[in-house]
Amino acid sequence: MKLYKDENGVEGLEYPIDANNKRVDILAIDQNNIPVVVEVKVSKGYEKVIGQCLYYRNHVKQMLNSEQARIIVIAREISNQLQTAVENLHDVELFEYKLSVKLERINKKKI
């Protein structure tokens, strides 16, 4: 995928899609030139996120004059309810992220 960029040079991060200032977290274009709406949740992805994503997807399809668009939801944890809600939606993908941090001391001074 690559980040979407419109004719004005505006990139697809926090991309505005309607007059109500609704914004897609990430708007990308996949290898088949299909728009991809990426919604990122800091913690848990609940079932209500799919309504938000469907709204964004339909606006993106109209805006880009595309017959189809995909949805990707990324969250620290995907709820069972969201998994059930998208079960028969072939163009929706769910991802959980894992974070880790490794610290390495770069100086030998004691504080």
Protein backbone atom coordinates (compact mmCIF):
# COMPACT_ATOMS: atom_id res chain seq x y z
CA MET A 1 0.00 0.00 0.00
CA LYS A 2 0.97 3.60 -0.45
CA LEU A 3 -0.34 6.69 1.28
CA TYR A 4 -3.04 8.48 -0.72
CA LYS A 5 -2.17 11.94 -1.99
CA ASP A 6 -4.82 14.16 -3.60
CA GLU A 7 -4.41 16.62 -6.48
CA ASN A 8 -3.60 19.40 -3.99
CA GLY A 9 -0.76 17.39 -2.47
CA VAL A 10 -2.68 16.62 0.75
CA GLU A 11 -1.61 13.24 2.08
CA GLY A 12 -3.95 10.61 3.51
CA LEU A 13 -3.12 11.04 7.20
CA GLU A 14 -6.10 12.32 9.19
CA TYR A 15 -7.67 12.88 5.77
CA PRO A 16 -10.90 14.98 5.79
CA ILE A 17 -13.80 13.34 3.99
CA ASP A 18 -16.89 15.43 4.69
CA ALA A 19 -18.16 18.88 5.65
CA ASN A 20 -18.53 17.77 9.29
CA ASN A 21 -14.75 17.52 9.65
CA LYS A 22 -14.80 13.71 9.85
CA ARG A 23 -11.32 12.34 9.14
CA VAL A 24 -10.00 8.98 8.06
CA ASP A 25 -6.99 8.02 10.21
CA ILE A 26 -5.10 6.73 7.18
CA LEU A 27 -6.28 6.73 3.58
CA ALA A 28 -4.14 4.54 1.36
CA ILE A 29 -4.20 2.95 -2.08
CA ASP A 30 -3.40 -0.74 -2.43
CA GLN A 31 -1.44 -2.52 -5.17
CA ASN A 32 -4.66 -2.93 -7.20
CA ASN A 33 -5.39 0.82 -7.01
CA ILE A 34 -8.25 0.23 -4.55
CA PRO A 35 -8.71 2.79 -1.76
CA VAL A 36 -8.11 1.50 1.76
CA VAL A 37 -9.62 3.13 4.85
CA VAL A 38 -7.41 2.39 7.86
CA GLU A 39 -8.88 3.07 11.30
CA VAL A 40 -6.46 2.91 14.22
CA LYS A 41 -7.70 2.49 17.78
CA VAL A 42 -5.35 3.11 20.70
CA SER A 43 -6.82 0.38 22.85
CA LYS A 44 -9.76 -1.91 22.09
CA GLY A 45 -11.65 -2.11 18.80
CA TYR A 46 -15.34 -2.43 19.62
CA GLU A 47 -18.18 -3.34 17.26
CA LYS A 48 -19.26 0.30 16.84
CA VAL A 49 -16.04 1.02 14.92
CA ILE A 50 -17.45 -0.83 11.91
CA GLY A 51 -20.25 1.75 11.53
CA GLN A 52 -17.66 4.51 11.52
CA CYS A 53 -15.56 2.65 8.94
CA LEU A 54 -18.52 1.92 6.65
CA TYR A 55 -19.40 5.63 6.71
CA TYR A 56 -15.82 6.53 5.80
CA ARG A 57 -15.63 3.85 3.11
CA ASN A 58 -18.77 5.08 1.34
CA HIS A 59 -17.54 8.68 1.38
CA VAL A 60 -14.16 7.61 0.05
CA LYS A 61 -15.78 5.60 -2.74
CA GLN A 62 -17.82 8.64 -3.80
CA MET A 63 -14.92 11.05 -3.42
CA LEU A 64 -12.55 8.90 -5.48
CA ASN A 65 -15.21 7.63 -7.88
CA SER A 66 -14.32 4.05 -6.98
CA GLU A 67 -16.61 1.04 -7.12
CA GLN A 68 -14.91 -0.55 -4.15
CA ALA A 69 -12.82 0.28 -1.10
CA ARG A 70 -11.32 -1.85 1.64
CA ILE A 71 -11.34 -1.36 5.40
CA ILE A 72 -8.57 -2.18 7.85
CA VAL A 73 -9.06 -1.81 11.60
CA ILE A 74 -5.96 -1.84 13.80
CA ALA A 75 -6.26 -1.95 17.59
CA ARG A 76 -4.36 -3.21 20.61
CA GLU A 77 -7.21 -5.66 21.09
CA ILE A 78 -10.06 -6.58 18.75
CA SER A 79 -13.27 -7.41 20.63
CA ASN A 80 -15.22 -10.59 19.95
CA GLN A 81 -18.18 -8.38 19.08
CA LEU A 82 -16.22 -6.61 16.31
CA GLN A 83 -15.00 -9.95 14.98
CA THR A 84 -18.61 -11.15 14.81
CA ALA A 85 -19.82 -7.88 13.24
CA VAL A 86 -17.41 -8.16 10.30
CA GLU A 87 -17.63 -11.92 9.85
CA ASN A 88 -19.32 -11.75 6.42
CA LEU A 89 -17.69 -8.56 5.18
CA HIS A 90 -15.06 -9.79 2.73
CA ASP A 91 -13.38 -6.39 2.35
CA VAL A 92 -12.70 -5.79 6.07
CA GLU A 93 -9.49 -6.89 7.79
CA LEU A 94 -8.77 -6.76 11.52
CA PHE A 95 -5.29 -6.48 13.04
CA GLU A 96 -4.05 -6.39 16.61
CA TYR A 97 -0.78 -4.64 17.35
CA LYS A 98 1.81 -5.53 19.96
CA LEU A 99 4.25 -2.98 21.33
CA SER A 100 7.49 -3.57 23.14
CA VAL A 101 10.33 -1.33 24.27
CA LYS A 102 13.94 -2.23 24.88
CA LEU A 103 16.16 0.23 26.73
CA GLU A 104 19.91 0.28 26.36
CA ARG A 105 22.13 2.52 28.45
CA ILE A 106 24.40 4.56 26.16
CA ASN A 107 26.46 6.26 28.85
CA LYS A 108 28.18 4.76 31.90
CA LYS A 109 27.46 7.59 34.36
CA LYS A 110 25.48 6.79 37.48
CA ILE A 111 22.87 9.24 38.56
